[in-house]
């Protein structure tokens, strides 16, 4: 049996994977690596339940489906196989975009804009969550906040116990050392841009909407160039992920919506800069 552990990048999903390994004894693998054998598992990762597999991702996936044991598949991508159960881990979007930008490019303004708009590989924070919400099935999916998991010493595991069909009376200590580093809130025009794109979605999920205005004064040239770059990158993405079986189907299903989203940004920005 396979269970997806899905999240947007930098959402502290490692804390859940580690806790589920110690609570249930489950092991997990990285589902976003085309060739599993190209990456070694460290001793620290092995202690958290991570396992490596030889050969293409598809082979590992099929073995997990046929296994009598529960195996977890970690992914930051869009849904690939909606027939399988999943646990979606979320984190405050403002924290996520800053952490992703910091890891990618030291947190530059340009990289922050890229992650607020949404890199082509993942879509933006709101889009990613909405795609997984659409894939949810009663009894086969759980949505949880990493803040709740990390913020309570007596997290209620009963929902997850039901999903994985395990009844365990002892809790699983969540290791706070595995969470992403704390970052300050977005400020000024960047915060307004975040509010424009993610404000309503963030509030619906119980997170701060960011900003004080839906009109961002951030440099139009940066917004326009990043949007154009992502639109171009999205058009060639399928060529670079041919061996990620299953993801291509999901990508094709969302490509029109993502393309229209980016083109709408470009049209607005062109009018602003005219």
Foldseek 3Di string as FASTA:
>chain_A
DEEEAEEAPQQLSLLVLLLCCVQPVEAEEELPDQAQVVDDQDPVNVNSRYDTDGGGSVVVVVVCVPDPDYYYYYDHAFDQDLVAFYEYEGEFQQFRLQLVLCVPPNRDPLSSLLQLCNALRHGHRLVRVVRVVVSDDVLRYHYDYVCQVVVDQCRDCPSVCSSNVHDDDDGGGGDPVSHGDGDDGDDALSQLSSLLRCQVVQVVVPHHSGDDHVDGPPDLVSNQVSLVVRLVCNVCVCVVPVSSPRSVVVSVVCVVVSNVSSVVSNVVSVVVVD
